[in-house]
Amino acid sequence: MTTVRTVADLTAQQQIELLAQEHHLIHNHSQLDEIGATFARLSDNDVELDRTQWLLVELNRAGILTGKDNTLLHARYLQERDA
């Protein structure tokens, strides 16, 4: 008997990585990303994104996910990561 996995069976991280892979997306840290990090740091919002979160940024930039889908997937990723 063959077990079939669906996207619903995947963790948020696996879904993000699969979407990025399917669309040949990788994250290349740009000067704009550095400027954003500097502004965040200056406003006492020292936020460091991990590899998966940067892939979500790239999926958003490429228009692969809607803003709503991106937010929902990111929230699920954070929830699973911090569990």
N, C-alpha and C. Protein backbone atom coordinates (compact mmCIF):
# COMPACT_ATOMS: atom_id res chain seq x y z
N MET A 1 0.83 -1.17 0.00
CA MET A 1 0.00 0.00 0.00
C MET A 1 0.89 1.25 0.00
N THR A 2 0.58 2.20 -0.85
CA THR A 2 1.35 3.44 -0.96
C THR A 2 0.69 4.53 -0.13
N THR A 3 1.52 5.24 0.62
CA THR A 3 1.02 6.37 1.40
C THR A 3 1.20 7.63 0.57
N VAL A 4 0.13 8.37 0.42
CA VAL A 4 0.18 9.61 -0.34
C VAL A 4 0.18 10.77 0.65
N ARG A 5 1.16 11.66 0.50
CA ARG A 5 1.22 12.86 1.34
C ARG A 5 0.65 14.03 0.57
N THR A 6 -0.09 14.84 1.26
CA THR A 6 -0.61 16.06 0.65
C THR A 6 0.08 17.26 1.29
N VAL A 7 -0.13 18.43 0.73
CA VAL A 7 0.47 19.64 1.28
C VAL A 7 0.01 19.84 2.72
N ALA A 8 -1.21 19.44 3.03
CA ALA A 8 -1.74 19.60 4.38
C ALA A 8 -0.95 18.76 5.40
N ASP A 9 -0.27 17.71 4.93
CA ASP A 9 0.53 16.87 5.81
C ASP A 9 1.88 17.48 6.15
N LEU A 10 2.26 18.53 5.44
CA LEU A 10 3.57 19.14 5.62
C LEU A 10 3.54 20.20 6.72
N THR A 11 4.67 20.39 7.36
CA THR A 11 4.79 21.50 8.30
C THR A 11 4.84 22.79 7.51
N ALA A 12 4.67 23.90 8.19
CA ALA A 12 4.76 25.20 7.52
C ALA A 12 6.13 25.38 6.89
N GLN A 13 7.18 24.99 7.61
CA GLN A 13 8.53 25.12 7.07
C GLN A 13 8.69 24.29 5.80
N GLN A 14 8.17 23.09 5.80
CA GLN A 14 8.26 22.25 4.60
C GLN A 14 7.48 22.86 3.44
N GLN A 15 6.33 23.44 3.73
CA GLN A 15 5.53 24.08 2.67
C GLN A 15 6.28 25.28 2.08
N ILE A 16 6.89 26.07 2.95
CA ILE A 16 7.64 27.25 2.50
C ILE A 16 8.81 26.82 1.63
N GLU A 17 9.56 25.82 2.09
CA GLU A 17 10.71 25.34 1.33
C GLU A 17 10.29 24.73 0.00
N LEU A 18 9.19 24.00 0.00
CA LEU A 18 8.68 23.39 -1.24
C LEU A 18 8.26 24.46 -2.24
N LEU A 19 7.53 25.47 -1.78
CA LEU A 19 7.11 26.56 -2.67
C LEU A 19 8.32 27.28 -3.26
N ALA A 20 9.30 27.57 -2.41
CA ALA A 20 10.51 28.25 -2.89
C ALA A 20 11.23 27.39 -3.92
N GLN A 21 11.33 26.10 -3.65
CA GLN A 21 12.01 25.18 -4.56
C GLN A 21 11.26 25.09 -5.90
N GLU A 22 9.94 24.98 -5.83
CA GLU A 22 9.13 24.88 -7.05
C GLU A 22 9.26 26.12 -7.93
N HIS A 23 9.49 27.27 -7.31
CA HIS A 23 9.58 28.52 -8.05
C HIS A 23 11.03 29.00 -8.21
N HIS A 24 11.96 28.11 -7.87
CA HIS A 24 13.40 28.37 -8.02
C HIS A 24 13.82 29.66 -7.32
N LEU A 25 13.34 29.83 -6.09
CA LEU A 25 13.65 31.03 -5.32
C LEU A 25 14.67 30.72 -4.24
N ILE A 26 15.61 31.61 -4.10
CA ILE A 26 16.55 31.58 -2.98
C ILE A 26 16.65 33.00 -2.46
N HIS A 27 17.17 33.16 -1.28
CA HIS A 27 17.32 34.51 -0.75
C HIS A 27 18.75 34.97 -0.89
N ASN A 28 18.93 36.07 -1.58
CA ASN A 28 20.22 36.75 -1.65
C ASN A 28 20.07 38.06 -0.89
N HIS A 29 20.76 38.16 0.23
CA HIS A 29 20.65 39.34 1.09
C HIS A 29 21.11 40.57 0.31
N SER A 30 20.25 41.56 0.20
CA SER A 30 20.55 42.77 -0.58
C SER A 30 20.86 43.95 0.33
N GLN A 31 21.32 45.03 -0.28
CA GLN A 31 21.57 46.26 0.48
C GLN A 31 20.29 46.79 1.09
N LEU A 32 19.18 46.61 0.39
CA LEU A 32 17.89 47.05 0.92
C LEU A 32 17.54 46.28 2.19
N ASP A 33 17.86 45.00 2.21
CA ASP A 33 17.63 44.18 3.41
C ASP A 33 18.47 44.71 4.57
N GLU A 34 19.70 45.11 4.28
CA GLU A 34 20.58 45.67 5.31
C GLU A 34 20.03 46.99 5.84
N ILE A 35 19.51 47.82 4.95
CA ILE A 35 18.93 49.09 5.36
C ILE A 35 17.73 48.85 6.27
N GLY A 36 16.89 47.90 5.89
CA GLY A 36 15.74 47.54 6.71
C GLY A 36 16.16 47.06 8.09
N ALA A 37 17.20 46.24 8.15
CA ALA A 37 17.71 45.74 9.44
C ALA A 37 18.25 46.89 10.28
N THR A 38 18.91 47.84 9.64
CA THR A 38 19.45 49.01 10.35
C THR A 38 18.31 49.85 10.93
N PHE A 39 17.27 50.12 10.13
CA PHE A 39 16.12 50.88 10.63
C PHE A 39 15.46 50.16 11.80
N ALA A 40 15.32 48.85 11.68
CA ALA A 40 14.70 48.07 12.76
C ALA A 40 15.53 48.19 14.03
N ARG A 41 16.84 48.07 13.89
CA ARG A 41 17.73 48.16 15.04
C ARG A 41 17.66 49.54 15.68
N LEU A 42 17.63 50.58 14.86
CA LEU A 42 17.57 51.95 15.36
C LEU A 42 16.25 52.24 16.09
N SER A 43 15.21 51.51 15.75
CA SER A 43 13.92 51.71 16.42
C SER A 43 13.70 50.68 17.54
N ASP A 44 14.80 50.11 18.01
CA ASP A 44 14.76 49.10 19.09
C ASP A 44 13.92 47.89 18.73
N ASN A 45 13.89 47.55 17.47
CA ASN A 45 13.19 46.36 16.98
C ASN A 45 14.20 45.41 16.37
N ASP A 46 15.09 44.91 17.18
CA ASP A 46 16.16 44.06 16.67
C ASP A 46 15.61 42.69 16.29
N VAL A 47 15.26 42.52 15.02
CA VAL A 47 14.65 41.30 14.53
C VAL A 47 15.60 40.61 13.57
N GLU A 48 15.86 39.36 13.81
CA GLU A 48 16.70 38.56 12.92
C GLU A 48 15.84 37.48 12.28
N LEU A 49 15.74 37.50 10.97
CA LEU A 49 14.97 36.48 10.27
C LEU A 49 15.85 35.26 10.03
N ASP A 50 15.24 34.09 10.12
CA ASP A 50 15.98 32.87 9.80
C ASP A 50 15.81 32.54 8.32
N ARG A 51 16.43 31.47 7.87
CA ARG A 51 16.42 31.10 6.45
C ARG A 51 14.99 30.94 5.92
N THR A 52 14.14 30.29 6.70
CA THR A 52 12.77 30.04 6.27
C THR A 52 11.99 31.35 6.15
N GLN A 53 12.19 32.25 7.09
CA GLN A 53 11.51 33.53 7.02
C GLN A 53 11.98 34.35 5.82
N TRP A 54 13.26 34.27 5.49
CA TRP A 54 13.75 34.97 4.29
C TRP A 54 13.14 34.37 3.03
N LEU A 55 12.91 33.05 3.02
CA LEU A 55 12.24 32.43 1.87
C LEU A 55 10.82 32.97 1.74
N LEU A 56 10.15 33.19 2.88
CA LEU A 56 8.82 33.79 2.84
C LEU A 56 8.87 35.20 2.25
N VAL A 57 9.89 35.96 2.60
CA VAL A 57 10.07 37.30 2.03
C VAL A 57 10.18 37.19 0.51
N GLU A 58 10.98 36.25 0.05
CA GLU A 58 11.17 36.08 -1.40
C GLU A 58 9.89 35.63 -2.08
N LEU A 59 9.12 34.75 -1.44
CA LEU A 59 7.84 34.31 -2.00
C LEU A 59 6.89 35.50 -2.12
N ASN A 60 6.93 36.38 -1.14
CA ASN A 60 6.10 37.58 -1.17
C ASN A 60 6.56 38.52 -2.28
N ARG A 61 7.86 38.75 -2.37
CA ARG A 61 8.41 39.65 -3.40
C ARG A 61 8.08 39.15 -4.80
N ALA A 62 8.06 37.83 -4.97
CA ALA A 62 7.79 37.25 -6.28
C ALA A 62 6.29 37.18 -6.58
N GLY A 63 5.46 37.52 -5.61
CA GLY A 63 4.01 37.48 -5.82
C GLY A 63 3.44 36.07 -5.82
N ILE A 64 4.16 35.13 -5.25
CA ILE A 64 3.71 33.73 -5.21
C ILE A 64 2.58 33.56 -4.20
N LEU A 65 2.68 34.25 -3.07
CA LEU A 65 1.66 34.19 -2.02
C LEU A 65 0.97 35.54 -1.90
N THR A 66 -0.30 35.51 -1.58
CA THR A 66 -0.98 36.76 -1.25
C THR A 66 -0.49 37.21 0.12
N GLY A 67 -0.72 38.45 0.44
CA GLY A 67 -0.33 38.95 1.76
C GLY A 67 -0.98 38.15 2.88
N LYS A 68 -2.24 37.82 2.69
CA LYS A 68 -2.97 37.05 3.70
C LYS A 68 -2.36 35.66 3.86
N ASP A 69 -2.11 34.96 2.74
CA ASP A 69 -1.53 33.62 2.80
C ASP A 69 -0.13 33.65 3.41
N ASN A 70 0.63 34.69 3.07
CA ASN A 70 1.97 34.83 3.62
C ASN A 70 1.89 34.99 5.14
N THR A 71 0.99 35.84 5.60
CA THR A 71 0.83 36.07 7.04
C THR A 71 0.39 34.81 7.76
N LEU A 72 -0.58 34.10 7.20
CA LEU A 72 -1.07 32.87 7.83
C LEU A 72 0.02 31.80 7.89
N LEU A 73 0.78 31.66 6.81
CA LEU A 73 1.84 30.66 6.77
C LEU A 73 2.97 31.05 7.73
N HIS A 74 3.27 32.32 7.80
CA HIS A 74 4.32 32.79 8.73
C HIS A 74 3.89 32.56 10.18
N ALA A 75 2.65 32.88 10.49
CA ALA A 75 2.14 32.66 11.85
C ALA A 75 2.20 31.19 12.22
N ARG A 76 1.81 30.33 11.29
CA ARG A 76 1.86 28.89 11.54
C ARG A 76 3.30 28.42 11.72
N TYR A 77 4.20 28.94 10.90
CA TYR A 77 5.62 28.59 11.03
C TYR A 77 6.15 28.96 12.41
N LEU A 78 5.87 30.19 12.85
CA LEU A 78 6.34 30.64 14.17
C LEU A 78 5.75 29.79 15.29
N GLN A 79 4.49 29.44 15.15
CA GLN A 79 3.81 28.62 16.16
C GLN A 79 4.46 27.23 16.24
N GLU A 80 4.72 26.63 15.09
CA GLU A 80 5.34 25.30 15.06
C GLU A 80 6.79 25.36 15.55
N ARG A 81 7.50 26.42 15.17
CA ARG A 81 8.90 26.55 15.55
C ARG A 81 9.06 26.73 17.05
N ASP A 82 8.16 27.50 17.64
CA ASP A 82 8.27 27.83 19.06
C ASP A 82 7.57 26.82 19.97
N ALA A 83 6.94 25.81 19.38
CA ALA A 83 6.21 24.80 20.19
C ALA A 83 7.17 23.90 20.95
